[in-house]
Amino acid sequence: EAGARLPTKVGQTIGIVGGIVIGTASVEAGLTSNVLLIIVALAALA
């Protein structure tokens, strides 16, 4: 939603950077497992 509502260039940056930062931080913080992170990312891509 953030990527769709923001201007094109900013939206692309938010999608890529936000996904990497939040995904990495959530695994390192112990909130989610790296296996589920891969599964959810593949489901979104599909």
ModelCIF file with pLDDT and N, C-alpha, C, O atoms, coordinates in Angstrom:
data_MODEL
#
_entry.id   MODEL 
#
_entity.id                         1 
_entity.type                       polymer 
_entity.pdbx_number_of_molecules   1 
#
_entity_poly.entity_id                      1 
_entity_poly.type                           'polypeptide(L)' 
_entity_poly.nstd_linkage                   no 
_entity_poly.nstd_monomer                   no 
_entity_poly.pdbx_seq_one_letter_code       EAGARLPTKVGQTIGIVGGIVIGTASVEAGLTSNVLLIIVALAALA 
_entity_poly.pdbx_seq_one_letter_code_can   EAGARLPTKVGQTIGIVGGIVIGTASVEAGLTSNVLLIIVALAALA 
_entity_poly.pdbx_strand_id                 A 
#
loop_
_entity_poly_seq.entity_id 
_entity_poly_seq.num 
_entity_poly_seq.mon_id 
_entity_poly_seq.hetero 
1 1  GLU n 
1 2  ALA n 
1 3  GLY n 
1 4  ALA n 
1 5  ARG n 
1 6  LEU n 
1 7  PRO n 
1 8  THR n 
1 9  LYS n 
1 10 VAL n 
1 11 GLY n 
1 12 GLN n 
1 13 THR n 
1 14 ILE n 
1 15 GLY n 
1 16 ILE n 
1 17 VAL n 
1 18 GLY n 
1 19 GLY n 
1 20 ILE n 
1 21 VAL n 
1 22 ILE n 
1 23 GLY n 
1 24 THR n 
1 25 ALA n 
1 26 SER n 
1 27 VAL n 
1 28 GLU n 
1 29 ALA n 
1 30 GLY n 
1 31 LEU n 
1 32 THR n 
1 33 SER n 
1 34 ASN n 
1 35 VAL n 
1 36 LEU n 
1 37 LEU n 
1 38 ILE n 
1 39 ILE n 
1 40 VAL n 
1 41 ALA n 
1 42 LEU n 
1 43 ALA n 
1 44 ALA n 
1 45 LEU n 
1 46 ALA n 
#
_struct_asym.id          A 
_struct_asym.entity_id   1 
#
loop_
_ma_qa_metric.id 
_ma_qa_metric.mode 
_ma_qa_metric.name 
_ma_qa_metric.software_group_id 
_ma_qa_metric.type 
1 global pLDDT . pLDDT 
2 local  pLDDT . pLDDT 
#
_ma_qa_metric_global.metric_id      1 
_ma_qa_metric_global.metric_value   80.09 
_ma_qa_metric_global.model_id       1 
_ma_qa_metric_global.ordinal_id     1 
#
loop_
_ma_qa_metric_local.label_asym_id 
_ma_qa_metric_local.label_comp_id 
_ma_qa_metric_local.label_seq_id 
_ma_qa_metric_local.metric_id 
_ma_qa_metric_local.metric_value 
_ma_qa_metric_local.model_id 
_ma_qa_metric_local.ordinal_id 
A GLU 1  2 83.00 1 1  
A ALA 2  2 80.00 1 2  
A GLY 3  2 77.00 1 3  
A ALA 4  2 75.00 1 4  
A ARG 5  2 76.00 1 5  
A LEU 6  2 74.00 1 6  
A PRO 7  2 74.00 1 7  
A THR 8  2 66.00 1 8  
A LYS 9  2 65.00 1 9  
A VAL 10 2 66.00 1 10 
A GLY 11 2 67.00 1 11 
A GLN 12 2 65.00 1 12 
A THR 13 2 66.00 1 13 
A ILE 14 2 72.00 1 14 
A GLY 15 2 70.00 1 15 
A ILE 16 2 69.00 1 16 
A VAL 17 2 71.00 1 17 
A GLY 18 2 75.00 1 18 
A GLY 19 2 75.00 1 19 
A ILE 20 2 74.00 1 20 
A VAL 21 2 80.00 1 21 
A ILE 22 2 82.00 1 22 
A GLY 23 2 81.00 1 23 
A THR 24 2 82.00 1 24 
A ALA 25 2 84.00 1 25 
A SER 26 2 84.00 1 26 
A VAL 27 2 83.00 1 27 
A GLU 28 2 83.00 1 28 
A ALA 29 2 83.00 1 29 
A GLY 30 2 82.00 1 30 
A LEU 31 2 84.00 1 31 
A THR 32 2 86.00 1 32 
A SER 33 2 87.00 1 33 
A ASN 34 2 88.00 1 34 
A VAL 35 2 88.00 1 35 
A LEU 36 2 89.00 1 36 
A LEU 37 2 89.00 1 37 
A ILE 38 2 89.00 1 38 
A ILE 39 2 91.00 1 39 
A VAL 40 2 90.00 1 40 
A ALA 41 2 88.00 1 41 
A LEU 42 2 91.00 1 42 
A ALA 43 2 91.00 1 43 
A ALA 44 2 89.00 1 44 
A LEU 45 2 89.00 1 45 
A ALA 46 2 91.00 1 46 
#
loop_
_atom_site.group_PDB 
_atom_site.id 
_atom_site.type_symbol 
_atom_site.label_atom_id 
_atom_site.label_alt_id 
_atom_site.label_comp_id 
_atom_site.label_asym_id 
_atom_site.label_entity_id 
_atom_site.label_seq_id 
_atom_site.pdbx_PDB_ins_code 
_atom_site.Cartn_x 
_atom_site.Cartn_y 
_atom_site.Cartn_z 
_atom_site.occupancy 
_atom_site.B_iso_or_equiv 
_atom_site.pdbx_formal_charge 
_atom_site.auth_seq_id 
_atom_site.auth_comp_id 
_atom_site.auth_asym_id 
_atom_site.auth_atom_id 
_atom_site.pdbx_PDB_model_num 
ATOM 1   N N  . GLU A 1 1  ? 0.820  -1.204  0.000  1.00 83.00 ? 1  GLU A N  1 
ATOM 2   C CA . GLU A 1 1  ? 0.000  0.000   0.000  1.00 83.00 ? 1  GLU A CA 1 
ATOM 3   C C  . GLU A 1 1  ? 0.857  1.258   0.000  1.00 83.00 ? 1  GLU A C  1 
ATOM 4   O O  . GLU A 1 1  ? 0.551  2.227   -0.695 1.00 83.00 ? 1  GLU A O  1 
ATOM 5   N N  . ALA A 1 2  ? 1.923  1.239   0.777  1.00 80.00 ? 2  ALA A N  1 
ATOM 6   C CA . ALA A 1 2  ? 2.814  2.401   0.804  1.00 80.00 ? 2  ALA A CA 1 
ATOM 7   C C  . ALA A 1 2  ? 3.455  2.625   -0.559 1.00 80.00 ? 2  ALA A C  1 
ATOM 8   O O  . ALA A 1 2  ? 3.546  3.759   -1.028 1.00 80.00 ? 2  ALA A O  1 
ATOM 9   N N  . GLY A 1 3  ? 3.896  1.552   -1.190 1.00 77.00 ? 3  GLY A N  1 
ATOM 10  C CA . GLY A 1 3  ? 4.511  1.681   -2.505 1.00 77.00 ? 3  GLY A CA 1 
ATOM 11  C C  . GLY A 1 3  ? 3.533  2.142   -3.574 1.00 77.00 ? 3  GLY A C  1 
ATOM 12  O O  . GLY A 1 3  ? 3.916  2.853   -4.503 1.00 77.00 ? 3  GLY A O  1 
ATOM 13  N N  . ALA A 1 4  ? 2.263  1.738   -3.445 1.00 75.00 ? 4  ALA A N  1 
ATOM 14  C CA . ALA A 1 4  ? 1.259  2.109   -4.444 1.00 75.00 ? 4  ALA A CA 1 
ATOM 15  C C  . ALA A 1 4  ? 0.802  3.555   -4.291 1.00 75.00 ? 4  ALA A C  1 
ATOM 16  O O  . ALA A 1 4  ? 0.457  4.194   -5.285 1.00 75.00 ? 4  ALA A O  1 
ATOM 17  N N  . ARG A 1 5  ? 0.792  4.081   -3.077 1.00 76.00 ? 5  ARG A N  1 
ATOM 18  C CA . ARG A 1 5  ? 0.266  5.430   -2.831 1.00 76.00 ? 5  ARG A CA 1 
ATOM 19  C C  . ARG A 1 5  ? 1.316  6.526   -2.984 1.00 76.00 ? 5  ARG A C  1 
ATOM 20  O O  . ARG A 1 5  ? 0.970  7.685   -3.214 1.00 76.00 ? 5  ARG A O  1 
ATOM 21  N N  . LEU A 1 6  ? 2.585  6.176   -2.861 1.00 74.00 ? 6  LEU A N  1 
ATOM 22  C CA . LEU A 1 6  ? 3.654  7.164   -2.987 1.00 74.00 ? 6  LEU A CA 1 
ATOM 23  C C  . LEU A 1 6  ? 4.016  7.373   -4.455 1.00 74.00 ? 6  LEU A C  1 
ATOM 24  O O  . LEU A 1 6  ? 3.680  6.541   -5.298 1.00 74.00 ? 6  LEU A O  1 
ATOM 25  N N  . PRO A 1 7  ? 4.702  8.484   -4.770 1.00 74.00 ? 7  PRO A N  1 
ATOM 26  C CA . PRO A 1 7  ? 5.192  8.668   -6.146 1.00 74.00 ? 7  PRO A CA 1 
ATOM 27  C C  . PRO A 1 7  ? 6.035  7.483   -6.599 1.00 74.00 ? 7  PRO A C  1 
ATOM 28  O O  . PRO A 1 7  ? 6.595  6.763   -5.772 1.00 74.00 ? 7  PRO A O  1 
ATOM 29  N N  . THR A 1 8  ? 6.127  7.279   -7.915 1.00 66.00 ? 8  THR A N  1 
ATOM 30  C CA . THR A 1 8  ? 6.708  6.059   -8.468 1.00 66.00 ? 8  THR A CA 1 
ATOM 31  C C  . THR A 1 8  ? 8.106  5.767   -7.939 1.00 66.00 ? 8  THR A C  1 
ATOM 32  O O  . THR A 1 8  ? 8.362  4.672   -7.439 1.00 66.00 ? 8  THR A O  1 
ATOM 33  N N  . LYS A 1 9  ? 9.009  6.731   -8.044 1.00 65.00 ? 9  LYS A N  1 
ATOM 34  C CA . LYS A 1 9  ? 10.389 6.484   -7.637 1.00 65.00 ? 9  LYS A CA 1 
ATOM 35  C C  . LYS A 1 9  ? 10.494 6.231   -6.140 1.00 65.00 ? 9  LYS A C  1 
ATOM 36  O O  . LYS A 1 9  ? 11.220 5.338   -5.703 1.00 65.00 ? 9  LYS A O  1 
ATOM 37  N N  . VAL A 1 10 ? 9.763  7.022   -5.355 1.00 66.00 ? 10 VAL A N  1 
ATOM 38  C CA . VAL A 1 10 ? 9.790  6.840   -3.901 1.00 66.00 ? 10 VAL A CA 1 
ATOM 39  C C  . VAL A 1 10 ? 9.150  5.513   -3.528 1.00 66.00 ? 10 VAL A C  1 
ATOM 40  O O  . VAL A 1 10 ? 9.629  4.825   -2.627 1.00 66.00 ? 10 VAL A O  1 
ATOM 41  N N  . GLY A 1 11 ? 8.071  5.148   -4.211 1.00 67.00 ? 11 GLY A N  1 
ATOM 42  C CA . GLY A 1 11 ? 7.377  3.896   -3.926 1.00 67.00 ? 11 GLY A CA 1 
ATOM 43  C C  . GLY A 1 11 ? 8.246  2.685   -4.164 1.00 67.00 ? 11 GLY A C  1 
ATOM 44  O O  . GLY A 1 11 ? 8.237  1.743   -3.372 1.00 67.00 ? 11 GLY A O  1 
ATOM 45  N N  . GLN A 1 12 ? 9.010  2.700   -5.266 1.00 65.00 ? 12 GLN A N  1 
ATOM 46  C CA . GLN A 1 12 ? 9.915  1.583   -5.546 1.00 65.00 ? 12 GLN A CA 1 
ATOM 47  C C  . GLN A 1 12 ? 10.988 1.468   -4.465 1.00 65.00 ? 12 GLN A C  1 
ATOM 48  O O  . GLN A 1 12 ? 11.344 0.366   -4.047 1.00 65.00 ? 12 GLN A O  1 
ATOM 49  N N  . THR A 1 13 ? 11.496 2.610   -4.019 1.00 66.00 ? 13 THR A N  1 
ATOM 50  C CA . THR A 1 13 ? 12.523 2.600   -2.976 1.00 66.00 ? 13 THR A CA 1 
ATOM 51  C C  . THR A 1 13 ? 11.967 2.050   -1.672 1.00 66.00 ? 13 THR A C  1 
ATOM 52  O O  . THR A 1 13 ? 12.614 1.245   -1.002 1.00 66.00 ? 13 THR A O  1 
ATOM 53  N N  . ILE A 1 14 ? 10.755 2.493   -1.311 1.00 72.00 ? 14 ILE A N  1 
ATOM 54  C CA . ILE A 1 14 ? 10.124 2.017   -0.078 1.00 72.00 ? 14 ILE A CA 1 
ATOM 55  C C  . ILE A 1 14 ? 9.924  0.505   -0.128 1.00 72.00 ? 14 ILE A C  1 
ATOM 56  O O  . ILE A 1 14 ? 10.194 -0.187  0.854  1.00 72.00 ? 14 ILE A O  1 
ATOM 57  N N  . GLY A 1 15 ? 9.448  -0.020  -1.277 1.00 70.00 ? 15 GLY A N  1 
ATOM 58  C CA . GLY A 1 15 ? 9.193  -1.453  -1.390 1.00 70.00 ? 15 GLY A CA 1 
ATOM 59  C C  . GLY A 1 15 ? 10.449 -2.285  -1.226 1.00 70.00 ? 15 GLY A C  1 
ATOM 60  O O  . GLY A 1 15 ? 10.447 -3.292  -0.517 1.00 70.00 ? 15 GLY A O  1 
ATOM 61  N N  . ILE A 1 16 ? 11.524 -1.867  -1.883 1.00 69.00 ? 16 ILE A N  1 
ATOM 62  C CA . ILE A 1 16 ? 12.762 -2.658  -1.842 1.00 69.00 ? 16 ILE A CA 1 
ATOM 63  C C  . ILE A 1 16 ? 13.466 -2.506  -0.497 1.00 69.00 ? 16 ILE A C  1 
ATOM 64  O O  . ILE A 1 16 ? 13.752 -3.494  0.179  1.00 69.00 ? 16 ILE A O  1 
ATOM 65  N N  . VAL A 1 17 ? 13.743 -1.254  -0.116 1.00 71.00 ? 17 VAL A N  1 
ATOM 66  C CA . VAL A 1 17 ? 14.479 -1.002  1.124  1.00 71.00 ? 17 VAL A CA 1 
ATOM 67  C C  . VAL A 1 17 ? 13.675 -1.450  2.334  1.00 71.00 ? 17 VAL A C  1 
ATOM 68  O O  . VAL A 1 17 ? 14.214 -2.073  3.249  1.00 71.00 ? 17 VAL A O  1 
ATOM 69  N N  . GLY A 1 18 ? 12.366 -1.130  2.339  1.00 75.00 ? 18 GLY A N  1 
ATOM 70  C CA . GLY A 1 18 ? 11.523 -1.514  3.475  1.00 75.00 ? 18 GLY A CA 1 
ATOM 71  C C  . GLY A 1 18 ? 11.468 -3.015  3.662  1.00 75.00 ? 18 GLY A C  1 
ATOM 72  O O  . GLY A 1 18 ? 11.545 -3.509  4.787  1.00 75.00 ? 18 GLY A O  1 
ATOM 73  N N  . GLY A 1 19 ? 11.332 -3.762  2.536  1.00 75.00 ? 19 GLY A N  1 
ATOM 74  C CA . GLY A 1 19 ? 11.286 -5.213  2.650  1.00 75.00 ? 19 GLY A CA 1 
ATOM 75  C C  . GLY A 1 19 ? 12.568 -5.804  3.197  1.00 75.00 ? 19 GLY A C  1 
ATOM 76  O O  . GLY A 1 19 ? 12.543 -6.694  4.048  1.00 75.00 ? 19 GLY A O  1 
ATOM 77  N N  . ILE A 1 20 ? 13.686 -5.305  2.705  1.00 74.00 ? 20 ILE A N  1 
ATOM 78  C CA . ILE A 1 20 ? 14.978 -5.836  3.173  1.00 74.00 ? 20 ILE A CA 1 
ATOM 79  C C  . ILE A 1 20 ? 15.205 -5.489  4.641  1.00 74.00 ? 20 ILE A C  1 
ATOM 80  O O  . ILE A 1 20 ? 15.558 -6.357  5.439  1.00 74.00 ? 20 ILE A O  1 
ATOM 81  N N  . VAL A 1 21 ? 15.003 -4.229  4.996  1.00 80.00 ? 21 VAL A N  1 
ATOM 82  C CA . VAL A 1 21 ? 15.292 -3.776  6.360  1.00 80.00 ? 21 VAL A CA 1 
ATOM 83  C C  . VAL A 1 21 ? 14.380 -4.445  7.373  1.00 80.00 ? 21 VAL A C  1 
ATOM 84  O O  . VAL A 1 21 ? 14.846 -4.978  8.380  1.00 80.00 ? 21 VAL A O  1 
ATOM 85  N N  . ILE A 1 22 ? 13.066 -4.417  7.103  1.00 82.00 ? 22 ILE A N  1 
ATOM 86  C CA . ILE A 1 22 ? 12.114 -4.983  8.065  1.00 82.00 ? 22 ILE A CA 1 
ATOM 87  C C  . ILE A 1 22 ? 12.287 -6.498  8.169  1.00 82.00 ? 22 ILE A C  1 
ATOM 88  O O  . ILE A 1 22 ? 12.242 -7.051  9.268  1.00 82.00 ? 22 ILE A O  1 
ATOM 89  N N  . GLY A 1 23 ? 12.487 -7.177  7.026  1.00 81.00 ? 23 GLY A N  1 
ATOM 90  C CA . GLY A 1 23 ? 12.678 -8.623  7.060  1.00 81.00 ? 23 GLY A CA 1 
ATOM 91  C C  . GLY A 1 23 ? 13.915 -9.028  7.840  1.00 81.00 ? 23 GLY A C  1 
ATOM 92  O O  . GLY A 1 23 ? 13.868 -9.930  8.676  1.00 81.00 ? 23 GLY A O  1 
ATOM 93  N N  . THR A 1 24 ? 15.013 -8.359  7.560  1.00 82.00 ? 24 THR A N  1 
ATOM 94  C CA . THR A 1 24 ? 16.266 -8.691  8.268  1.00 82.00 ? 24 THR A CA 1 
ATOM 95  C C  . THR A 1 24 ? 16.151 -8.379  9.752  1.00 82.00 ? 24 THR A C  1 
ATOM 96  O O  . THR A 1 24 ? 16.584 -9.163  10.596 1.00 82.00 ? 24 THR A O  1 
ATOM 97  N N  . ALA A 1 25 ? 15.559 -7.217  10.065 1.00 84.00 ? 25 ALA A N  1 
ATOM 98  C CA . ALA A 1 25 ? 15.451 -6.816  11.477 1.00 84.00 ? 25 ALA A CA 1 
ATOM 99  C C  . ALA A 1 25 ? 14.531 -7.747  12.255 1.00 84.00 ? 25 ALA A C  1 
ATOM 100 O O  . ALA A 1 25 ? 14.812 -8.058  13.413 1.00 84.00 ? 25 ALA A O  1 
ATOM 101 N N  . SER A 1 26 ? 13.430 -8.202  11.639 1.00 84.00 ? 26 SER A N  1 
ATOM 102 C CA . SER A 1 26 ? 12.498 -9.075  12.356 1.00 84.00 ? 26 SER A CA 1 
ATOM 103 C C  . SER A 1 26 ? 13.118 -10.431 12.638 1.00 84.00 ? 26 SER A C  1 
ATOM 104 O O  . SER A 1 26 ? 12.847 -11.020 13.685 1.00 84.00 ? 26 SER A O  1 
ATOM 105 N N  . VAL A 1 27 ? 13.956 -10.950 11.721 1.00 83.00 ? 27 VAL A N  1 
ATOM 106 C CA . VAL A 1 27 ? 14.631 -12.226 11.961 1.00 83.00 ? 27 VAL A CA 1 
ATOM 107 C C  . VAL A 1 27 ? 15.688 -12.078 13.054 1.00 83.00 ? 27 VAL A C  1 
ATOM 108 O O  . VAL A 1 27 ? 15.790 -12.923 13.944 1.00 83.00 ? 27 VAL A O  1 
ATOM 109 N N  . GLU A 1 28 ? 16.471 -11.006 12.983 1.00 83.00 ? 28 GLU A N  1 
ATOM 110 C CA . GLU A 1 28 ? 17.507 -10.797 13.987 1.00 83.00 ? 28 GLU A CA 1 
ATOM 111 C C  . GLU A 1 28 ? 16.927 -10.520 15.372 1.00 83.00 ? 28 GLU A C  1 
ATOM 112 O O  . GLU A 1 28 ? 17.541 -10.864 16.382 1.00 83.00 ? 28 GLU A O  1 
ATOM 113 N N  . ALA A 1 29 ? 15.749 -9.899  15.424 1.00 83.00 ? 29 ALA A N  1 
ATOM 114 C CA . ALA A 1 29 ? 15.111 -9.616  16.708 1.00 83.00 ? 29 ALA A CA 1 
ATOM 115 C C  . ALA A 1 29 ? 14.410 -10.828 17.280 1.00 83.00 ? 29 ALA A C  1 
ATOM 116 O O  . ALA A 1 29 ? 13.972 -10.806 18.431 1.00 83.00 ? 29 ALA A O  1 
ATOM 117 N N  . GLY A 1 30 ? 14.296 -11.886 16.496 1.00 82.00 ? 30 GLY A N  1 
ATOM 118 C CA . GLY A 1 30 ? 13.662 -13.097 16.987 1.00 82.00 ? 30 GLY A CA 1 
ATOM 119 C C  . GLY A 1 30 ? 12.150 -13.059 16.952 1.00 82.00 ? 30 GLY A C  1 
ATOM 120 O O  . GLY A 1 30 ? 11.500 -13.825 17.664 1.00 82.00 ? 30 GLY A O  1 
ATOM 121 N N  . LEU A 1 31 ? 11.559 -12.167 16.124 1.00 84.00 ? 31 LEU A N  1 
ATOM 122 C CA . LEU A 1 31 ? 10.100 -12.099 16.016 1.00 84.00 ? 31 LEU A CA 1 
ATOM 123 C C  . LEU A 1 31 ? 9.563  -13.078 14.979 1.00 84.00 ? 31 LEU A C  1 
ATOM 124 O O  . LEU A 1 31 ? 8.445  -13.574 15.121 1.00 84.00 ? 31 LEU A O  1 
ATOM 125 N N  . THR A 1 32 ? 10.334 -13.361 13.951 1.00 86.00 ? 32 THR A N  1 
ATOM 126 C CA . THR A 1 32 ? 9.910  -14.290 12.903 1.00 86.00 ? 32 THR A CA 1 
ATOM 127 C C  . THR A 1 32 ? 11.082 -15.194 12.534 1.00 86.00 ? 32 THR A C  1 
ATOM 128 O O  . THR A 1 32 ? 12.242 -14.863 12.780 1.00 86.00 ? 32 THR A O  1 
ATOM 129 N N  . SER A 1 33 ? 10.762 -16.322 11.946 1.00 87.00 ? 33 SER A N  1 
ATOM 130 C CA . SER A 1 33 ? 11.800 -17.242 11.499 1.00 87.00 ? 33 SER A CA 1 
ATOM 131 C C  . SER A 1 33 ? 12.183 -16.921 10.069 1.00 87.00 ? 33 SER A C  1 
ATOM 132 O O  . SER A 1 33 ? 11.379 -16.388 9.304  1.00 87.00 ? 33 SER A O  1 
ATOM 133 N N  . ASN A 1 34 ? 13.405 -17.246 9.713  1.00 88.00 ? 34 ASN A N  1 
ATOM 134 C CA . ASN A 1 34 ? 13.864 -16.974 8.356  1.00 88.00 ? 34 ASN A CA 1 
ATOM 135 C C  . ASN A 1 34 ? 13.157 -17.851 7.325  1.00 88.00 ? 34 ASN A C  1 
ATOM 136 O O  . ASN A 1 34 ? 13.025 -17.460 6.165  1.00 88.00 ? 34 ASN A O  1 
ATOM 137 N N  . VAL A 1 35 ? 12.702 -19.037 7.743  1.00 88.00 ? 35 VAL A N  1 
ATOM 138 C CA . VAL A 1 35 ? 11.968 -19.919 6.826  1.00 88.00 ? 35 VAL A CA 1 
ATOM 139 C C  . VAL A 1 35 ? 10.634 -19.292 6.435  1.00 88.00 ? 35 VAL A C  1 
ATOM 140 O O  . VAL A 1 35 ? 10.270 -19.259 5.259  1.00 88.00 ? 35 VAL A O  1 
ATOM 141 N N  . LEU A 1 36 ? 9.909  -18.795 7.439  1.00 89.00 ? 36 LEU A N  1 
ATOM 142 C CA . LEU A 1 36 ? 8.622  -18.167 7.139  1.00 89.00 ? 36 LEU A CA 1 
ATOM 143 C C  . LEU A 1 36 ? 8.810  -16.891 6.333  1.00 89.00 ? 36 LEU A C  1 
ATOM 144 O O  . LEU A 1 36 ? 7.986  -16.585 5.471  1.00 89.00 ? 36 LEU A O  1 
ATOM 145 N N  . LEU A 1 37 ? 9.859  -16.149 6.589  1.00 89.00 ? 37 LEU A N  1 
ATOM 146 C CA . LEU A 1 37 ? 10.133 -14.943 5.815  1.00 89.00 ? 37 LEU A CA 1 
ATOM 147 C C  . LEU A 1 37 ? 10.283 -15.271 4.338  1.00 89.00 ? 37 LEU A C  1 
ATOM 148 O O  . LEU A 1 37 ? 9.766  -14.551 3.484  1.00 89.00 ? 37 LEU A O  1 
ATOM 149 N N  . ILE A 1 38 ? 10.990 -16.355 4.031  1.00 89.00 ? 38 ILE A N  1 
ATOM 150 C CA . ILE A 1 38 ? 11.150 -16.784 2.634  1.00 89.00 ? 38 ILE A CA 1 
ATOM 151 C C  . ILE A 1 38 ? 9.801  -17.200 2.046  1.00 89.00 ? 38 ILE A C  1 
ATOM 152 O O  . ILE A 1 38 ? 9.489  -16.864 0.903  1.00 89.00 ? 38 ILE A O  1 
ATOM 153 N N  . ILE A 1 39 ? 9.002  -17.931 2.830  1.00 91.00 ? 39 ILE A N  1 
ATOM 154 C CA . ILE A 1 39 ? 7.702  -18.414 2.351  1.00 91.00 ? 39 ILE A CA 1 
ATOM 155 C C  . ILE A 1 39 ? 6.770  -17.244 2.033  1.00 91.00 ? 39 ILE A C  1 
ATOM 156 O O  . ILE A 1 39 ? 6.135  -17.224 0.979  1.00 91.00 ? 39 ILE A O  1 
ATOM 157 N N  . VAL A 1 40 ? 6.688  -16.271 2.941  1.00 90.00 ? 40 VAL A N  1 
ATOM 158 C CA . VAL A 1 40 ? 5.800  -15.125 2.730  1.00 90.00 ? 40 VAL A CA 1 
ATOM 159 C C  . VAL A 1 40 ? 6.273  -14.285 1.545  1.00 90.00 ? 40 VAL A C  1 
ATOM 160 O O  . VAL A 1 40 ? 5.454  -13.789 0.773  1.00 90.00 ? 40 VAL A O  1 
ATOM 161 N N  . ALA A 1 41 ? 7.578  -14.125 1.398  1.00 88.00 ? 41 ALA A N  1 
ATOM 162 C CA . ALA A 1 41 ? 8.099  -13.365 0.259  1.00 88.00 ? 41 ALA A CA 1 
ATOM 163 C C  . ALA A 1 41 ? 7.766  -14.061 -1.062 1.00 88.00 ? 41 ALA A C  1 
ATOM 164 O O  . ALA A 1 41 ? 7.390  -13.401 -2.030 1.00 88.00 ? 41 ALA A O  1 
ATOM 165 N N  . LEU A 1 42 ? 7.902  -15.391 -1.106 1.00 91.00 ? 42 LEU A N  1 
ATOM 166 C CA . LEU A 1 42 ? 7.547  -16.133 -2.317 1.00 91.00 ? 42 LEU A CA 1 
ATOM 167 C C  . LEU A 1 42 ? 6.051  -16.059 -2.604 1.00 91.00 ? 42 LEU A C  1 
ATOM 168 O O  . LEU A 1 42 ? 5.642  -15.953 -3.760 1.00 91.00 ? 42 LEU A O  1 
ATOM 169 N N  . ALA A 1 43 ? 5.233  -16.114 -1.551 1.00 91.00 ? 43 ALA A N  1 
ATOM 170 C CA . ALA A 1 43 ? 3.784  -16.007 -1.736 1.00 91.00 ? 43 ALA A CA 1 
ATOM 171 C C  . ALA A 1 43 ? 3.404  -14.639 -2.300 1.00 91.00 ? 43 ALA A C  1 
ATOM 172 O O  . ALA A 1 43 ? 2.549  -14.546 -3.181 1.00 91.00 ? 43 ALA A O  1 
ATOM 173 N N  . ALA A 1 44 ? 4.039  -13.577 -1.794 1.00 89.00 ? 44 ALA A N  1 
ATOM 174 C CA . ALA A 1 44 ? 3.778  -12.232 -2.319 1.00 89.00 ? 44 ALA A CA 1 
ATOM 175 C C  . ALA A 1 44 ? 4.219  -12.121 -3.770 1.00 89.00 ? 44 ALA A C  1 
ATOM 176 O O  . ALA A 1 44 ? 3.524  -11.527 -4.595 1.00 89.00 ? 44 ALA A O  1 
ATOM 177 N N  . LEU A 1 45 ? 5.376  -12.695 -4.078 1.00 89.00 ? 45 LEU A N  1 
ATOM 178 C CA . LEU A 1 45 ? 5.866  -12.673 -5.456 1.00 89.00 ? 45 LEU A CA 1 
ATOM 179 C C  . LEU A 1 45 ? 4.938  -13.441 -6.392 1.00 89.00 ? 45 LEU A C  1 
ATOM 180 O O  . LEU A 1 45 ? 4.689  -13.012 -7.519 1.00 89.00 ? 45 LEU A O  1 
ATOM 181 N N  . ALA A 1 46 ? 4.431  -14.570 -5.923 1.00 91.00 ? 46 ALA A N  1 
ATOM 182 C CA . ALA A 1 46 ? 3.519  -15.375 -6.746 1.00 91.00 ? 46 ALA A CA 1 
ATOM 183 C C  . ALA A 1 46 ? 2.220  -14.634 -7.030 1.00 91.00 ? 46 ALA A C  1 
ATOM 184 O O  . ALA A 1 46 ? 1.341  -15.166 -7.708 1.00 91.00 ? 46 ALA A O  1 
#
